[in-house]
């Protein structure tokens, strides 16, 4: 039997699409960040947020 090839561990993040890379590059230039920092901020902003309100109604 052949040996299995060693796989490098993945970082758990999906590869950036071309649109994400372009958006991150623009945001990085505009705000004085690195592209990696800008991409991380963009992904955090698009991440779904869990709602803390249970029952569906807001208290006034």
N, C-alpha and C. Protein backbone atom coordinates (compact mmCIF):
# COMPACT_ATOMS: atom_id res chain seq x y z
N UNK A 1 0.84 -1.17 0.00
CA UNK A 1 0.00 0.00 0.00
C UNK A 1 0.89 1.24 0.00
N UNK A 2 0.40 2.27 -0.66
CA UNK A 2 1.13 3.53 -0.72
C UNK A 2 0.87 4.34 0.54
N UNK A 3 1.87 5.14 0.90
CA UNK A 3 1.71 6.00 2.07
C UNK A 3 0.84 7.19 1.72
N UNK A 4 0.12 7.67 2.71
CA UNK A 4 -0.70 8.85 2.51
C UNK A 4 0.19 10.08 2.50
N UNK A 5 -0.15 11.04 1.65
CA UNK A 5 0.61 12.27 1.59
C UNK A 5 0.28 13.12 2.80
N UNK A 6 1.28 13.78 3.33
CA UNK A 6 1.04 14.68 4.45
C UNK A 6 0.35 15.93 3.94
N UNK A 7 -0.71 16.29 4.61
CA UNK A 7 -1.43 17.50 4.24
C UNK A 7 -1.09 18.60 5.22
N UNK A 8 -0.97 19.80 4.69
CA UNK A 8 -0.73 20.94 5.56
C UNK A 8 -2.05 21.31 6.22
N UNK A 9 -2.01 21.64 7.51
CA UNK A 9 -3.26 22.01 8.18
C UNK A 9 -3.81 23.31 7.62
N UNK A 10 -5.12 23.36 7.47
CA UNK A 10 -5.76 24.57 6.96
C UNK A 10 -6.00 25.54 8.11
N UNK A 11 -6.10 26.79 7.78
CA UNK A 11 -6.28 27.80 8.81
C UNK A 11 -7.72 27.95 9.25
N UNK A 12 -8.66 27.31 8.57
CA UNK A 12 -10.05 27.40 8.94
C UNK A 12 -10.79 28.53 8.26
N UNK A 13 -10.11 29.35 7.48
CA UNK A 13 -10.77 30.43 6.76
C UNK A 13 -10.81 30.10 5.28
N UNK A 14 -11.86 30.51 4.64
CA UNK A 14 -12.01 30.26 3.21
C UNK A 14 -11.08 31.20 2.43
N UNK A 15 -10.72 30.76 1.25
CA UNK A 15 -9.89 31.60 0.39
C UNK A 15 -10.69 32.83 -0.03
N UNK A 16 -10.01 33.95 -0.16
CA UNK A 16 -10.67 35.21 -0.51
C UNK A 16 -11.02 35.21 -2.00
N UNK A 17 -12.21 35.71 -2.30
CA UNK A 17 -12.60 35.83 -3.70
C UNK A 17 -11.94 37.08 -4.28
N UNK A 18 -12.01 37.19 -5.59
CA UNK A 18 -11.40 38.34 -6.25
C UNK A 18 -12.04 39.66 -5.78
N UNK A 19 -13.36 39.64 -5.60
CA UNK A 19 -14.07 40.84 -5.14
C UNK A 19 -13.63 41.22 -3.73
N UNK A 20 -13.46 40.23 -2.86
CA UNK A 20 -13.01 40.51 -1.49
C UNK A 20 -11.60 41.10 -1.49
N UNK A 21 -10.74 40.58 -2.35
CA UNK A 21 -9.37 41.08 -2.42
C UNK A 21 -9.35 42.53 -2.89
N UNK A 22 -10.15 42.84 -3.91
CA UNK A 22 -10.21 44.21 -4.42
C UNK A 22 -10.79 45.16 -3.38
N UNK A 23 -11.84 44.73 -2.69
CA UNK A 23 -12.44 45.56 -1.65
C UNK A 23 -11.46 45.79 -0.51
N UNK A 24 -10.73 44.77 -0.12
CA UNK A 24 -9.76 44.89 0.95
C UNK A 24 -8.61 45.81 0.54
N UNK A 25 -8.17 45.73 -0.71
CA UNK A 25 -7.09 46.60 -1.18
C UNK A 25 -7.51 48.06 -1.16
N UNK A 26 -8.75 48.34 -1.59
CA UNK A 26 -9.26 49.71 -1.57
C UNK A 26 -9.38 50.22 -0.14
N UNK A 27 -9.97 49.41 0.72
CA UNK A 27 -10.17 49.79 2.12
C UNK A 27 -8.82 49.99 2.82
N UNK A 28 -7.84 49.16 2.49
CA UNK A 28 -6.51 49.29 3.09
C UNK A 28 -5.84 50.60 2.69
N UNK A 29 -5.94 50.96 1.41
CA UNK A 29 -5.36 52.23 0.96
C UNK A 29 -6.06 53.41 1.61
N UNK A 30 -7.37 53.34 1.68
CA UNK A 30 -8.16 54.45 2.20
C UNK A 30 -7.92 54.68 3.70
N UNK A 31 -7.79 53.59 4.45
CA UNK A 31 -7.70 53.68 5.92
C UNK A 31 -6.30 53.48 6.46
N UNK A 32 -5.32 53.22 5.61
CA UNK A 32 -3.95 53.05 6.09
C UNK A 32 -3.72 51.73 6.81
N UNK A 33 -4.36 50.67 6.33
CA UNK A 33 -4.20 49.34 6.91
C UNK A 33 -3.45 48.44 5.94
N UNK A 34 -3.08 47.27 6.42
CA UNK A 34 -2.55 46.26 5.51
C UNK A 34 -3.73 45.55 4.87
N UNK A 35 -3.48 44.86 3.76
CA UNK A 35 -4.57 44.14 3.09
C UNK A 35 -5.13 43.04 3.97
N UNK A 36 -4.27 42.38 4.73
CA UNK A 36 -4.74 41.31 5.61
C UNK A 36 -5.65 41.87 6.71
N UNK A 37 -5.27 43.01 7.28
CA UNK A 37 -6.09 43.63 8.32
C UNK A 37 -7.44 44.06 7.75
N UNK A 38 -7.42 44.65 6.57
CA UNK A 38 -8.66 45.09 5.93
C UNK A 38 -9.56 43.91 5.62
N UNK A 39 -8.99 42.81 5.11
CA UNK A 39 -9.78 41.62 4.79
C UNK A 39 -10.40 41.04 6.06
N UNK A 40 -9.65 41.03 7.15
CA UNK A 40 -10.18 40.53 8.41
C UNK A 40 -11.34 41.39 8.90
N UNK A 41 -11.21 42.71 8.79
CA UNK A 41 -12.29 43.61 9.20
C UNK A 41 -13.54 43.40 8.35
N UNK A 42 -13.35 43.23 7.06
CA UNK A 42 -14.48 43.02 6.15
C UNK A 42 -15.20 41.72 6.49
N UNK A 43 -14.45 40.67 6.74
CA UNK A 43 -15.07 39.39 7.07
C UNK A 43 -15.80 39.45 8.41
N UNK A 44 -15.24 40.17 9.38
CA UNK A 44 -15.91 40.32 10.67
C UNK A 44 -17.21 41.11 10.51
N UNK A 45 -17.21 42.09 9.63
CA UNK A 45 -18.40 42.91 9.42
C UNK A 45 -19.51 42.12 8.74
N UNK A 46 -19.15 41.15 7.89
CA UNK A 46 -20.14 40.36 7.17
C UNK A 46 -20.57 39.11 7.94
N UNK A 47 -19.93 38.83 9.07
CA UNK A 47 -20.25 37.63 9.84
C UNK A 47 -21.63 37.77 10.47
N UNK A 48 -22.39 36.68 10.50
CA UNK A 48 -23.72 36.74 11.12
C UNK A 48 -23.59 37.00 12.62
N UNK A 49 -24.50 37.79 13.14
CA UNK A 49 -24.49 38.15 14.55
C UNK A 49 -25.65 37.45 15.24
N UNK A 50 -25.38 36.83 16.39
CA UNK A 50 -26.44 36.18 17.14
C UNK A 50 -27.24 37.22 17.90
N UNK A 51 -28.52 37.06 17.88
CA UNK A 51 -29.39 38.00 18.59
C UNK A 51 -29.54 37.55 20.04
N UNK A 52 -29.42 38.49 20.96
CA UNK A 52 -29.53 38.18 22.37
C UNK A 52 -30.96 38.19 22.88
N UNK A 53 -31.89 38.73 22.11
CA UNK A 53 -33.28 38.82 22.54
C UNK A 53 -33.97 37.50 22.27
N UNK A 54 -34.59 36.95 23.31
CA UNK A 54 -35.34 35.72 23.14
C UNK A 54 -36.82 36.04 23.23
N UNK A 55 -37.64 35.36 22.49
CA UNK A 55 -39.06 35.60 22.51
C UNK A 55 -39.53 36.46 21.36
N UNK A 56 -38.63 37.16 20.69
CA UNK A 56 -38.99 37.91 19.50
C UNK A 56 -39.47 39.32 19.73
N UNK A 57 -39.66 39.76 20.97
CA UNK A 57 -40.13 41.12 21.22
C UNK A 57 -39.08 41.91 21.98
N UNK A 58 -39.01 43.19 21.64
CA UNK A 58 -38.09 44.07 22.33
C UNK A 58 -38.76 44.68 23.55
N UNK A 59 -37.96 44.94 24.58
CA UNK A 59 -38.48 45.64 25.74
C UNK A 59 -38.19 47.12 25.57
N UNK A 60 -39.16 47.95 25.90
CA UNK A 60 -38.98 49.40 25.75
C UNK A 60 -38.55 50.02 27.03
